[in-house]
């Protein structure tokens, strides 16, 4: 219920979008139990962006059903410089190396191969 109260307050500000990490960051989408993210989307008057563990299939399903307006592919984009082409063509994704996230040097940001380079 706290989510819905917060959303009702956010709606009064007319903000453009709500970006929701669905589940535990880097973890289980069902970590918090059976959360109806579609209901959260319907309660919010702006654009709803879903994030966390989306596959091409899940993104397509949630976009088609109206349970999300946009999907954020954070970790997948880090590991796949050509993510859009891979998703569009049903190609395998590079696995992300979380140890290289957010720190240090180029490793994990600019050294993942595109499909054309493999």
Foldseek 3Di string as FASTA:
>chain_A
DVLLVVLVVVQVVVDAEDEDEQADAVDDNCNVHDDQLLVSQVSHPHAYEYEDDDALVNQVVCCVVVSHVHYDDVQQCLQEVPVVVCSVVVHDTGHQDVVPPPDDDCPSHPPRDYPVRD
